[in-house]
Amino acid sequence: MRPPRVRRRTRALDDLDKELEKRGHRFVRYADDCNIYVRSERAGMRVMGSVKAFLTRKLKLKVNEEKSAVSKTGDASFWGFALRPAGSSSGRSPRRRLYGSGGESHG
């Protein structure tokens, strides 16, 4: 069973998911890491400010300022994956590696 602190944070982040869906944002979240996708840097700054306020005021969570940023989609990565515009290429073929429980690589 999870400690009460972890359960509370998980419930709070579920509330964040609902809020982002209500606002119509495109986003991806894994555990407590979240990327929100908007069309412009200006929109990114506005959304970051309102989401930080939502997290700190309503959900009573801390935001790590060092890990928080507004950036172009191609400049950011999420859990080792980067999104690129359709048709663009980094010049390399995409690769995916899966690791077994013993650390051996598959793929």
PDB file of N, CA and C in Angstrom:
ATOM      1  N   MET A   1       0.834  -1.176   0.000  1.00  0.00           N
ATOM      2  CA  MET A   1       0.000   0.000   0.000  1.00  0.00           C
ATOM      3  C   MET A   1       0.880   1.242   0.000  1.00  0.00           C
ATOM      4  N   ARG A   2       0.464   2.233  -0.787  1.00  0.00           N
ATOM      5  CA  ARG A   2       1.229   3.474  -0.877  1.00  0.00           C
ATOM      6  C   ARG A   2       1.049   4.320   0.376  1.00  0.00           C
ATOM      7  N   PRO A   3       2.111   5.061   0.747  1.00  0.00           N
ATOM      8  CA  PRO A   3       1.982   5.973   1.884  1.00  0.00           C
ATOM      9  C   PRO A   3       0.943   7.059   1.566  1.00  0.00           C
ATOM     10  N   PRO A   4       0.292   7.619   2.587  1.00  0.00           N
ATOM     11  CA  PRO A   4      -0.736   8.648   2.354  1.00  0.00           C
ATOM     12  C   PRO A   4      -0.247   9.831   1.530  1.00  0.00           C
ATOM     13  N   ARG A   5       1.009  10.249   1.714  1.00  0.00           N
ATOM     14  CA  ARG A   5       1.561  11.378   0.958  1.00  0.00           C
ATOM     15  C   ARG A   5       1.558  11.088  -0.538  1.00  0.00           C
ATOM     16  N   VAL A   6       1.939   9.862  -0.920  1.00  0.00           N
ATOM     17  CA  VAL A   6       1.982   9.481  -2.332  1.00  0.00           C
ATOM     18  C   VAL A   6       0.567   9.400  -2.898  1.00  0.00           C
ATOM     19  N   ARG A   7      -0.361   8.851  -2.119  1.00  0.00           N
ATOM     20  CA  ARG A   7      -1.755   8.761  -2.585  1.00  0.00           C
ATOM     21  C   ARG A   7      -2.333  10.156  -2.811  1.00  0.00           C
ATOM     22  N   ARG A   8      -2.032  11.081  -1.910  1.00  0.00           N
ATOM     23  CA  ARG A   8      -2.537  12.443  -2.039  1.00  0.00           C
ATOM     24  C   ARG A   8      -1.986  13.114  -3.286  1.00  0.00           C
ATOM     25  N   ARG A   9      -0.685  12.946  -3.536  1.00  0.00           N
ATOM     26  CA  ARG A   9      -0.074  13.546  -4.724  1.00  0.00           C
ATOM     27  C   ARG A   9      -0.648  12.939  -5.987  1.00  0.00           C
ATOM     28  N   THR A  10      -0.853  11.629  -5.995  1.00  0.00           N
ATOM     29  CA  THR A  10      -1.421  10.962  -7.174  1.00  0.00           C
ATOM     30  C   THR A  10      -2.824  11.484  -7.446  1.00  0.00           C
ATOM     31  N   ARG A  11      -3.630  11.620  -6.396  1.00  0.00           N
ATOM     32  CA  ARG A  11      -4.981  12.165  -6.562  1.00  0.00           C
ATOM     33  C   ARG A  11      -4.924  13.597  -7.077  1.00  0.00           C
ATOM     34  N   ALA A  12      -3.997  14.379  -6.552  1.00  0.00           N
ATOM     35  CA  ALA A  12      -3.851  15.770  -6.972  1.00  0.00           C
ATOM     36  C   ALA A  12      -3.474  15.855  -8.447  1.00  0.00           C
ATOM     37  N   LEU A  13      -2.559  14.995  -8.886  1.00  0.00           N
ATOM     38  CA  LEU A  13      -2.147  15.026 -10.287  1.00  0.00           C
ATOM     39  C   LEU A  13      -3.258  14.516 -11.196  1.00  0.00           C
ATOM     40  N   ASP A  14      -4.115  13.647 -10.714  1.00  0.00           N
ATOM     41  CA  ASP A  14      -5.303  13.266 -11.478  1.00  0.00           C
ATOM     42  C   ASP A  14      -6.194  14.490 -11.661  1.00  0.00           C
ATOM     43  N   ASP A  15      -6.276  15.346 -10.631  1.00  0.00           N
ATOM     44  CA  ASP A  15      -7.030  16.594 -10.745  1.00  0.00           C
ATOM     45  C   ASP A  15      -6.392  17.515 -11.786  1.00  0.00           C
ATOM     46  N   LEU A  16      -5.053  17.513 -11.859  1.00  0.00           N
ATOM     47  CA  LEU A  16      -4.370  18.301 -12.888  1.00  0.00           C
ATOM     48  C   LEU A  16      -4.749  17.788 -14.267  1.00  0.00           C
ATOM     49  N   ASP A  17      -4.742  16.474 -14.467  1.00  0.00           N
ATOM     50  CA  ASP A  17      -5.139  15.902 -15.757  1.00  0.00           C
ATOM     51  C   ASP A  17      -6.539  16.378 -16.150  1.00  0.00           C
ATOM     52  N   LYS A  18      -7.464  16.317 -15.214  1.00  0.00           N
ATOM     53  CA  LYS A  18      -8.848  16.743 -15.489  1.00  0.00           C
ATOM     54  C   LYS A  18      -8.902  18.227 -15.845  1.00  0.00           C
ATOM     55  N   GLU A  19      -8.127  19.038 -15.140  1.00  0.00           N
ATOM     56  CA  GLU A  19      -8.104  20.471 -15.418  1.00  0.00           C
ATOM     57  C   GLU A  19      -7.539  20.758 -16.806  1.00  0.00           C
ATOM     58  N   LEU A  20      -6.450  20.073 -17.180  1.00  0.00           N
ATOM     59  CA  LEU A  20      -5.855  20.282 -18.501  1.00  0.00           C
ATOM     60  C   LEU A  20      -6.810  19.820 -19.600  1.00  0.00           C
ATOM     61  N   GLU A  21      -7.513  18.708 -19.385  1.00  0.00           N
ATOM     62  CA  GLU A  21      -8.504  18.240 -20.352  1.00  0.00           C
ATOM     63  C   GLU A  21      -9.637  19.245 -20.479  1.00  0.00           C
ATOM     64  N   LYS A  22     -10.095  19.783 -19.358  1.00  0.00           N
ATOM     65  CA  LYS A  22     -11.176  20.775 -19.357  1.00  0.00           C
ATOM     66  C   LYS A  22     -10.772  22.015 -20.151  1.00  0.00           C
ATOM     67  N   ARG A  23      -9.504  22.405 -20.034  1.00  0.00           N
ATOM     68  CA  ARG A  23      -9.000  23.579 -20.756  1.00  0.00           C
ATOM     69  C   ARG A  23      -8.715  23.277 -22.228  1.00  0.00           C
ATOM     70  N   GLY A  24      -8.754  21.999 -22.605  1.00  0.00           N
ATOM     71  CA  GLY A  24      -8.519  21.619 -23.999  1.00  0.00           C
ATOM     72  C   GLY A  24      -7.057  21.538 -24.388  1.00  0.00           C
ATOM     73  N   HIS A  25      -6.157  21.403 -23.409  1.00  0.00           N
ATOM     74  CA  HIS A  25      -4.724  21.329 -23.712  1.00  0.00           C
ATOM     75  C   HIS A  25      -4.329  19.916 -24.145  1.00  0.00           C
ATOM     76  N   ARG A  26      -3.330  19.861 -24.990  1.00  0.00           N
ATOM     77  CA  ARG A  26      -2.697  18.586 -25.330  1.00  0.00           C
ATOM     78  C   ARG A  26      -1.532  18.419 -24.369  1.00  0.00           C
ATOM     79  N   PHE A  27      -1.462  17.264 -23.742  1.00  0.00           N
ATOM     80  CA  PHE A  27      -0.423  17.067 -22.740  1.00  0.00           C
ATOM     81  C   PHE A  27      -0.122  15.585 -22.602  1.00  0.00           C
ATOM     82  N   VAL A  28       1.020  15.323 -21.978  1.00  0.00           N
ATOM     83  CA  VAL A  28       1.396  13.961 -21.615  1.00  0.00           C
ATOM     84  C   VAL A  28       1.996  14.040 -20.217  1.00  0.00           C
ATOM     85  N   ARG A  29       1.598  13.088 -19.387  1.00  0.00           N
ATOM     86  CA  ARG A  29       2.125  13.056 -18.018  1.00  0.00           C
ATOM     87  C   ARG A  29       2.516  11.630 -17.691  1.00  0.00           C
ATOM     88  N   TYR A  30       3.677  11.479 -17.062  1.00  0.00           N
ATOM     89  CA  TYR A  30       4.120  10.194 -16.548  1.00  0.00           C
ATOM     90  C   TYR A  30       4.580  10.451 -15.120  1.00  0.00           C
ATOM     91  N   ALA A  31       3.916   9.835 -14.163  1.00  0.00           N
ATOM     92  CA  ALA A  31       4.176  10.077 -12.735  1.00  0.00           C
ATOM     93  C   ALA A  31       4.009  11.568 -12.471  1.00  0.00           C
ATOM     94  N   ASP A  32       5.045  12.244 -11.983  1.00  0.00           N
ATOM     95  CA  ASP A  32       4.891  13.668 -11.704  1.00  0.00           C
ATOM     96  C   ASP A  32       5.574  14.555 -12.739  1.00  0.00           C
ATOM     97  N   ASP A  33       5.953  13.992 -13.881  1.00  0.00           N
ATOM     98  CA  ASP A  33       6.507  14.766 -14.989  1.00  0.00           C
ATOM     99  C   ASP A  33       5.396  15.031 -15.997  1.00  0.00           C
ATOM    100  N   CYS A  34       5.347  16.256 -16.505  1.00  0.00           N
ATOM    101  CA  CYS A  34       4.263  16.625 -17.410  1.00  0.00           C
ATOM    102  C   CYS A  34       4.774  17.559 -18.496  1.00  0.00           C
ATOM    103  N   ASN A  35       4.375  17.325 -19.738  1.00  0.00           N
ATOM    104  CA  ASN A  35       4.610  18.236 -20.847  1.00  0.00           C
ATOM    105  C   ASN A  35       3.249  18.675 -21.360  1.00  0.00           C
ATOM    106  N   ILE A  36       3.092  19.980 -21.588  1.00  0.00           N
ATOM    107  CA  ILE A  36       1.863  20.547 -22.126  1.00  0.00           C
ATOM    108  C   ILE A  36       2.229  21.206 -23.448  1.00  0.00           C
ATOM    109  N   TYR A  37       1.479  20.910 -24.495  1.00  0.00           N
ATOM    110  CA  TYR A  37       1.811  21.386 -25.835  1.00  0.00           C
ATOM    111  C   TYR A  37       0.844  22.484 -26.268  1.00  0.00           C
ATOM    112  N   VAL A  38       1.405  23.645 -26.641  1.00  0.00           N
ATOM    113  CA  VAL A  38       0.632  24.789 -27.105  1.00  0.00           C
ATOM    114  C   VAL A  38       1.255  25.276 -28.408  1.00  0.00           C
ATOM    115  N   ARG A  39       0.626  26.249 -29.052  1.00  0.00           N
ATOM    116  CA  ARG A  39       1.059  26.660 -30.387  1.00  0.00           C
ATOM    117  C   ARG A  39       2.176  27.711 -30.416  1.00  0.00           C
ATOM    118  N   SER A  40       2.335  28.479 -29.354  1.00  0.00           N
ATOM    119  CA  SER A  40       3.334  29.546 -29.399  1.00  0.00           C
ATOM    120  C   SER A  40       4.047  29.689 -28.053  1.00  0.00           C
ATOM    121  N   GLU A  41       5.185  30.376 -28.091  1.00  0.00           N
ATOM    122  CA  GLU A  41       5.927  30.628 -26.848  1.00  0.00           C
ATOM    123  C   GLU A  41       5.095  31.501 -25.910  1.00  0.00           C
ATOM    124  N   ARG A  42       4.396  32.458 -26.471  1.00  0.00           N
ATOM    125  CA  ARG A  42       3.539  33.333 -25.656  1.00  0.00           C
ATOM    126  C   ARG A  42       2.462  32.517 -24.937  1.00  0.00           C
ATOM    127  N   ALA A  43       1.819  31.600 -25.664  1.00  0.00           N
ATOM    128  CA  ALA A  43       0.817  30.727 -25.042  1.00  0.00           C
ATOM    129  C   ALA A  43       1.477  29.846 -23.993  1.00  0.00           C
ATOM    130  N   GLY A  44       2.692  29.387 -24.267  1.00  0.00           N
ATOM    131  CA  GLY A  44       3.418  28.554 -23.312  1.00  0.00           C
ATOM    132  C   GLY A  44       3.673  29.276 -22.005  1.00  0.00           C
ATOM    133  N   MET A  45       4.064  30.537 -22.096  1.00  0.00           N
ATOM    134  CA  MET A  45       4.314  31.325 -20.887  1.00  0.00           C
ATOM    135  C   MET A  45       3.009  31.530 -20.099  1.00  0.00           C
ATOM    136  N   ARG A  46       1.930  31.815 -20.804  1.00  0.00           N
ATOM    137  CA  ARG A  46       0.644  32.031 -20.150  1.00  0.00           C
ATOM    138  C   ARG A  46       0.158  30.757 -19.468  1.00  0.00           C
ATOM    139  N   VAL A  47       0.258  29.615 -20.197  1.00  0.00           N
ATOM    140  CA  VAL A  47      -0.195  28.342 -19.636  1.00  0.00           C
ATOM    141  C   VAL A  47       0.688  27.921 -18.469  1.00  0.00           C
ATOM    142  N   MET A  48       2.006  28.124 -18.586  1.00  0.00           N
ATOM    143  CA  MET A  48       2.882  27.753 -17.475  1.00  0.00           C
ATOM    144  C   MET A  48       2.510  28.528 -16.217  1.00  0.00           C
ATOM    145  N   GLY A  49       2.258  29.808 -16.362  1.00  0.00           N
ATOM    146  CA  GLY A  49       1.875  30.608 -15.206  1.00  0.00           C
ATOM    147  C   GLY A  49       0.573  30.130 -14.577  1.00  0.00           C
ATOM    148  N   SER A  50      -0.419  29.835 -15.400  1.00  0.00           N
ATOM    149  CA  SER A  50      -1.704  29.416 -14.840  1.00  0.00           C
ATOM    150  C   SER A  50      -1.636  28.005 -14.255  1.00  0.00           C
ATOM    151  N   VAL A  51      -0.845  27.118 -14.854  1.00  0.00           N
ATOM    152  CA  VAL A  51      -0.713  25.757 -14.320  1.00  0.00           C
ATOM    153  C   VAL A  51       0.085  25.779 -13.012  1.00  0.00           C
ATOM    154  N   LYS A  52       1.138  26.595 -12.937  1.00  0.00           N
ATOM    155  CA  LYS A  52       1.890  26.728 -11.682  1.00  0.00           C
ATOM    156  C   LYS A  52       0.969  27.224 -10.573  1.00  0.00           C
ATOM    157  N   ALA A  53       0.140  28.221 -10.896  1.00  0.00           N
ATOM    158  CA  ALA A  53      -0.793  28.745  -9.897  1.00  0.00           C
ATOM    159  C   ALA A  53      -1.771  27.660  -9.463  1.00  0.00           C
ATOM    160  N   PHE A  54      -2.276  26.878 -10.410  1.00  0.00           N
ATOM    161  CA  PHE A  54      -3.199  25.793 -10.094  1.00  0.00           C
ATOM    162  C   PHE A  54      -2.530  24.770  -9.179  1.00  0.00           C
ATOM    163  N   LEU A  55      -1.292  24.395  -9.503  1.00  0.00           N
ATOM    164  CA  LEU A  55      -0.578  23.392  -8.715  1.00  0.00           C
ATOM    165  C   LEU A  55      -0.269  23.880  -7.306  1.00  0.00           C
ATOM    166  N   THR A  56       0.170  25.127  -7.185  1.00  0.00           N
ATOM    167  CA  THR A  56       0.586  25.616  -5.868  1.00  0.00           C
ATOM    168  C   THR A  56      -0.589  26.072  -5.006  1.00  0.00           C
ATOM    169  N   ARG A  57      -1.553  26.755  -5.600  1.00  0.00           N
ATOM    170  CA  ARG A  57      -2.657  27.293  -4.804  1.00  0.00           C
ATOM    171  C   ARG A  57      -3.746  26.262  -4.533  1.00  0.00           C
ATOM    172  N   LYS A  58      -4.186  25.607  -5.600  1.00  0.00           N
ATOM    173  CA  LYS A  58      -5.317  24.696  -5.430  1.00  0.00           C
ATOM    174  C   LYS A  58      -4.888  23.315  -4.927  1.00  0.00           C
ATOM    175  N   LEU A  59      -3.802  22.779  -5.513  1.00  0.00           N
ATOM    176  CA  LEU A  59      -3.383  21.422  -5.156  1.00  0.00           C
ATOM    177  C   LEU A  59      -2.331  21.390  -4.054  1.00  0.00           C
ATOM    178  N   LYS A  60      -1.789  22.552  -3.689  1.00  0.00           N
ATOM    179  CA  LYS A  60      -0.792  22.656  -2.609  1.00  0.00           C
ATOM    180  C   LYS A  60       0.463  21.828  -2.888  1.00  0.00           C
ATOM    181  N   LEU A  61       0.892  21.825  -4.165  1.00  0.00           N
ATOM    182  CA  LEU A  61       2.104  21.112  -4.566  1.00  0.00           C
ATOM    183  C   LEU A  61       3.194  22.115  -4.904  1.00  0.00           C
ATOM    184  N   LYS A  62       4.445  21.692  -4.769  1.00  0.00           N
ATOM    185  CA  LYS A  62       5.583  22.539  -5.118  1.00  0.00           C
ATOM    186  C   LYS A  62       5.963  22.276  -6.578  1.00  0.00           C
ATOM    187  N   VAL A  63       6.391  23.327  -7.260  1.00  0.00           N
ATOM    188  CA  VAL A  63       6.847  23.227  -8.643  1.00  0.00           C
ATOM    189  C   VAL A  63       8.353  23.425  -8.641  1.00  0.00           C
ATOM    190  N   ASN A  64       9.084  22.500  -9.262  1.00  0.00           N
ATOM    191  CA  ASN A  64      10.537  22.619  -9.362  1.00  0.00           C
ATOM    192  C   ASN A  64      10.865  23.602 -10.485  1.00  0.00           C
ATOM    193  N   GLU A  65      11.272  24.813 -10.110  1.00  0.00           N
ATOM    194  CA  GLU A  65      11.556  25.866 -11.088  1.00  0.00           C
ATOM    195  C   GLU A  65      12.716  25.495 -12.018  1.00  0.00           C
ATOM    196  N   GLU A  66      13.678  24.739 -11.515  1.00  0.00           N
ATOM    197  CA  GLU A  66      14.836  24.362 -12.332  1.00  0.00           C
ATOM    198  C   GLU A  66      14.450  23.415 -13.458  1.00  0.00           C
ATOM    199  N   LYS A  67      13.413  22.612 -13.260  1.00  0.00           N
ATOM    200  CA  LYS A  67      12.979  21.655 -14.277  1.00  0.00           C
ATOM    201  C   LYS A  67      11.844  22.198 -15.138  1.00  0.00           C
ATOM    202  N   SER A  68      11.331  23.376 -14.806  1.00  0.00           N
ATOM    203  CA  SER A  68      10.199  23.952 -15.533  1.00  0.00           C
ATOM    204  C   SER A  68      10.711  24.891 -16.614  1.00  0.00           C
ATOM    205  N   ALA A  69      10.154  24.763 -17.822  1.00  0.00           N
ATOM    206  CA  ALA A  69      10.598  25.612 -18.925  1.00  0.00           C
ATOM    207  C   ALA A  69       9.543  25.651 -20.019  1.00  0.00           C
ATOM    208  N   VAL A  70       9.627  26.695 -20.822  1.00  0.00           N
ATOM    209  CA  VAL A  70       8.856  26.793 -22.056  1.00  0.00           C
ATOM    210  C   VAL A  70       9.873  26.651 -23.172  1.00  0.00           C
ATOM    211  N   SER A  71       9.635  25.704 -24.081  1.00  0.00           N
ATOM    212  CA  SER A  71      10.575  25.508 -25.190  1.00  0.00           C
ATOM    213  C   SER A  71       9.829  24.998 -26.406  1.00  0.00           C
ATOM    214  N   LYS A  72      10.485  25.080 -27.546  1.00  0.00           N
ATOM    215  CA  LYS A  72       9.899  24.533 -28.767  1.00  0.00           C
ATOM    216  C   LYS A  72       9.862  23.019 -28.645  1.00  0.00           C
ATOM    217  N   THR A  73       8.899  22.419 -29.293  1.00  0.00           N
ATOM    218  CA  THR A  73       8.707  20.978 -29.181  1.00  0.00           C
ATOM    219  C   THR A  73       9.962  20.207 -29.562  1.00  0.00           C
ATOM    220  N   GLY A  74      10.626  20.587 -30.628  1.00  0.00           N
ATOM    221  CA  GLY A  74      11.814  19.867 -31.072  1.00  0.00           C
ATOM    222  C   GLY A  74      13.014  20.028 -30.163  1.00  0.00           C
ATOM    223  N   ASP A  75      12.979  21.037 -29.296  1.00  0.00           N
ATOM    224  CA  ASP A  75      14.094  21.291 -28.378  1.00  0.00           C
ATOM    225  C   ASP A  75      13.956  20.564 -27.054  1.00  0.00           C
ATOM    226  N   ALA A  76      12.788  19.985 -26.806  1.00  0.00           N
ATOM    227  CA  ALA A  76      12.523  19.346 -25.518  1.00  0.00           C
ATOM    228  C   ALA A  76      12.412  17.832 -25.693  1.00  0.00           C
ATOM    229  N   SER A  77      12.680  17.120 -24.622  1.00  0.00           N
ATOM    230  CA  SER A  77      12.472  15.675 -24.648  1.00  0.00           C
ATOM    231  C   SER A  77      11.706  15.285 -23.393  1.00  0.00           C
ATOM    232  N   PHE A  78      11.052  14.166 -23.486  1.00  0.00           N
ATOM    233  CA  PHE A  78      10.256  13.675 -22.367  1.00  0.00           C
ATOM    234  C   PHE A  78      10.561  12.212 -22.210  1.00  0.00           C
ATOM    235  N   TRP A  79      11.213  11.858 -21.099  1.00  0.00           N
ATOM    236  CA  TRP A  79      11.621  10.483 -20.814  1.00  0.00           C
ATOM    237  C   TRP A  79      12.421   9.892 -21.981  1.00  0.00           C
ATOM    238  N   GLY A  80      13.301  10.705 -22.561  1.00  0.00           N
ATOM    239  CA  GLY A  80      14.196  10.228 -23.614  1.00  0.00           C
ATOM    240  C   GLY A  80      13.615  10.295 -25.008  1.00  0.00           C
ATOM    241  N   PHE A  81      12.382  10.772 -25.162  1.00  0.00           N
ATOM    242  CA  PHE A  81      11.759  10.892 -26.473  1.00  0.00           C
ATOM    243  C   PHE A  81      11.602  12.357 -26.816  1.00  0.00           C
ATOM    244  N   ALA A  82      11.834  12.697 -28.088  1.00  0.00           N
ATOM    245  CA  ALA A  82      11.643  14.065 -28.564  1.00  0.00           C
ATOM    246  C   ALA A  82      10.625  14.038 -29.691  1.00  0.00           C
ATOM    247  N   LEU A  83       9.772  15.036 -29.740  1.00  0.00           N
ATOM    248  CA  LEU A  83       8.791  15.151 -30.811  1.00  0.00           C
ATOM    249  C   LEU A  83       9.353  16.050 -31.888  1.00  0.00           C
ATOM    250  N   ARG A  84       9.144  15.689 -33.123  1.00  0.00           N
ATOM    251  CA  ARG A  84       9.599  16.483 -34.253  1.00  0.00           C
ATOM    252  C   ARG A  84       8.406  16.740 -35.170  1.00  0.00           C
ATOM    253  N   PRO A  85       8.417  17.875 -35.888  1.00  0.00           N
ATOM    254  CA  PRO A  85       7.339  18.129 -36.841  1.00  0.00           C
ATOM    255  C   PRO A  85       7.298  17.031 -37.909  1.00  0.00           C
ATOM    256  N   ALA A  86       6.112  16.752 -38.436  1.00  0.00           N
ATOM    257  CA  ALA A  86       5.953  15.725 -39.469  1.00  0.00           C
ATOM    258  C   ALA A  86       6.851  16.049 -40.654  1.00  0.00           C
ATOM    259  N   GLY A  87       7.545  15.049 -41.155  1.00  0.00           N
ATOM    260  CA  GLY A  87       8.414  15.211 -42.309  1.00  0.00           C
ATOM    261  C   GLY A  87       9.821  15.653 -41.989  1.00  0.00           C
ATOM    262  N   SER A  88      10.092  16.075 -40.768  1.00  0.00           N
ATOM    263  CA  SER A  88      11.452  16.496 -40.427  1.00  0.00           C
ATOM    264  C   SER A  88      12.254  15.285 -39.984  1.00  0.00           C
ATOM    265  N   SER A  89      13.545  15.412 -40.027  1.00  0.00           N
ATOM    266  CA  SER A  89      14.403  14.300 -39.642  1.00  0.00           C
ATOM    267  C   SER A  89      15.650  14.835 -38.971  1.00  0.00           C
ATOM    268  N   SER A  90      16.124  14.105 -38.023  1.00  0.00           N
ATOM    269  CA  SER A  90      17.369  14.500 -37.362  1.00  0.00           C
ATOM    270  C   SER A  90      18.572  13.931 -38.101  1.00  0.00           C
ATOM    271  N   GLY A  91      18.299  13.206 -39.191  1.00  0.00           N
ATOM    272  CA  GLY A  91      19.383  12.582 -39.921  1.00  0.00           C
ATOM    273  C   GLY A  91      19.716  11.195 -39.405  1.00  0.00           C
ATOM    274  N   ARG A  92      19.036  10.756 -38.362  1.00  0.00           N
ATOM    275  CA  ARG A  92      19.269   9.437 -37.801  1.00  0.00           C
ATOM    276  C   ARG A  92      17.972   8.662 -37.813  1.00  0.00           C
ATOM    277  N   SER A  93      18.097   7.389 -37.888  1.00  0.00           N
ATOM    278  CA  SER A  93      16.921   6.533 -37.799  1.00  0.00           C
ATOM    279  C   SER A  93      16.503   6.406 -36.350  1.00  0.00           C
ATOM    280  N   PRO A  94      15.189   6.436 -36.089  1.00  0.00           N
ATOM    281  CA  PRO A  94      14.762   6.254 -34.699  1.00  0.00           C
ATOM    282  C   PRO A  94      15.101   4.865 -34.204  1.00  0.00           C
ATOM    283  N   ARG A  95      15.480   4.754 -32.970  1.00  0.00           N
ATOM    284  CA  ARG A  95      15.797   3.466 -32.366  1.00  0.00           C
ATOM    285  C   ARG A  95      15.089   3.345 -31.040  1.00  0.00           C
ATOM    286  N   ARG A  96      14.714   2.136 -30.749  1.00  0.00           N
ATOM    287  CA  ARG A  96      14.075   1.880 -29.465  1.00  0.00           C
ATOM    288  C   ARG A  96      14.793   0.710 -28.836  1.00  0.00           C
ATOM    289  N   ARG A  97      15.130   0.857 -27.574  1.00  0.00           N
ATOM    290  CA  ARG A  97      15.787  -0.219 -26.856  1.00  0.00           C
ATOM    291  C   ARG A  97      14.928  -0.617 -25.681  1.00  0.00           C
ATOM    292  N   LEU A  98      14.759  -1.891 -25.522  1.00  0.00           N
ATOM    293  CA  LEU A  98      14.046  -2.425 -24.377  1.00  0.00           C
ATOM    294  C   LEU A  98      15.039  -3.232 -23.566  1.00  0.00           C
ATOM    295  N   TYR A  99      14.984  -3.098 -22.274  1.00  0.00           N
ATOM    296  CA  TYR A  99      15.908  -3.809 -21.418  1.00  0.00           C
ATOM    297  C   TYR A  99      15.151  -4.806 -20.562  1.00  0.00           C
ATOM    298  N   GLY A 100      15.690  -6.002 -20.496  1.00  0.00           N
ATOM    299  CA  GLY A 100      15.122  -7.027 -19.650  1.00  0.00           C
ATOM    300  C   GLY A 100      15.525  -6.799 -18.204  1.00  0.00           C
ATOM    301  N   SER A 101      15.009  -7.638 -17.319  1.00  0.00           N
ATOM    302  CA  SER A 101      15.275  -7.462 -15.900  1.00  0.00           C
ATOM    303  C   SER A 101      16.765  -7.637 -15.582  1.00  0.00           C
ATOM    304  N   GLY A 102      17.493  -8.358 -16.428  1.00  0.00           N
ATOM    305  CA  GLY A 102      18.912  -8.553 -16.188  1.00  0.00           C
ATOM    306  C   GLY A 102      19.774  -7.491 -16.827  1.00  0.00           C
ATOM    307  N   GLY A 103      19.140  -6.485 -17.497  1.00  0.00           N
ATOM    308  CA  GLY A 103      19.897  -5.406 -18.120  1.00  0.00           C
ATOM    309  C   GLY A 103      20.278  -5.684 -19.557  1.00  0.00           C
ATOM    310  N   GLU A 104      19.901  -6.861 -20.098  1.00  0.00           N
ATOM    311  CA  GLU A 104      20.254  -7.161 -21.477  1.00  0.00           C
ATOM    312  C   GLU A 104      19.380  -6.361 -22.423  1.00  0.00           C
ATOM    313  N   SER A 105      19.961  -5.915 -23.538  1.00  0.00           N
ATOM    314  CA  SER A 105      19.255  -5.084 -24.494  1.00  0.00           C
ATOM    315  C   SER A 105      18.520  -5.942 -25.520  1.00  0.00           C
ATOM    316  N   HIS A 106      17.314  -5.531 -25.863  1.00  0.00           N
ATOM    317  CA  HIS A 106      16.499  -6.186 -26.893  1.00  0.00           C
ATOM    318  C   HIS A 106      16.082  -5.117 -27.883  1.00  0.00           C
ATOM    319  N   GLY A 107      16.403  -5.283 -29.171  1.00  0.00           N
ATOM    320  CA  GLY A 107      15.919  -4.315 -30.162  1.00  0.00           C
ATOM    321  C   GLY A 107      16.934  -3.397 -30.548  1.00  0.00           C
TER     322      GLY A 107
END
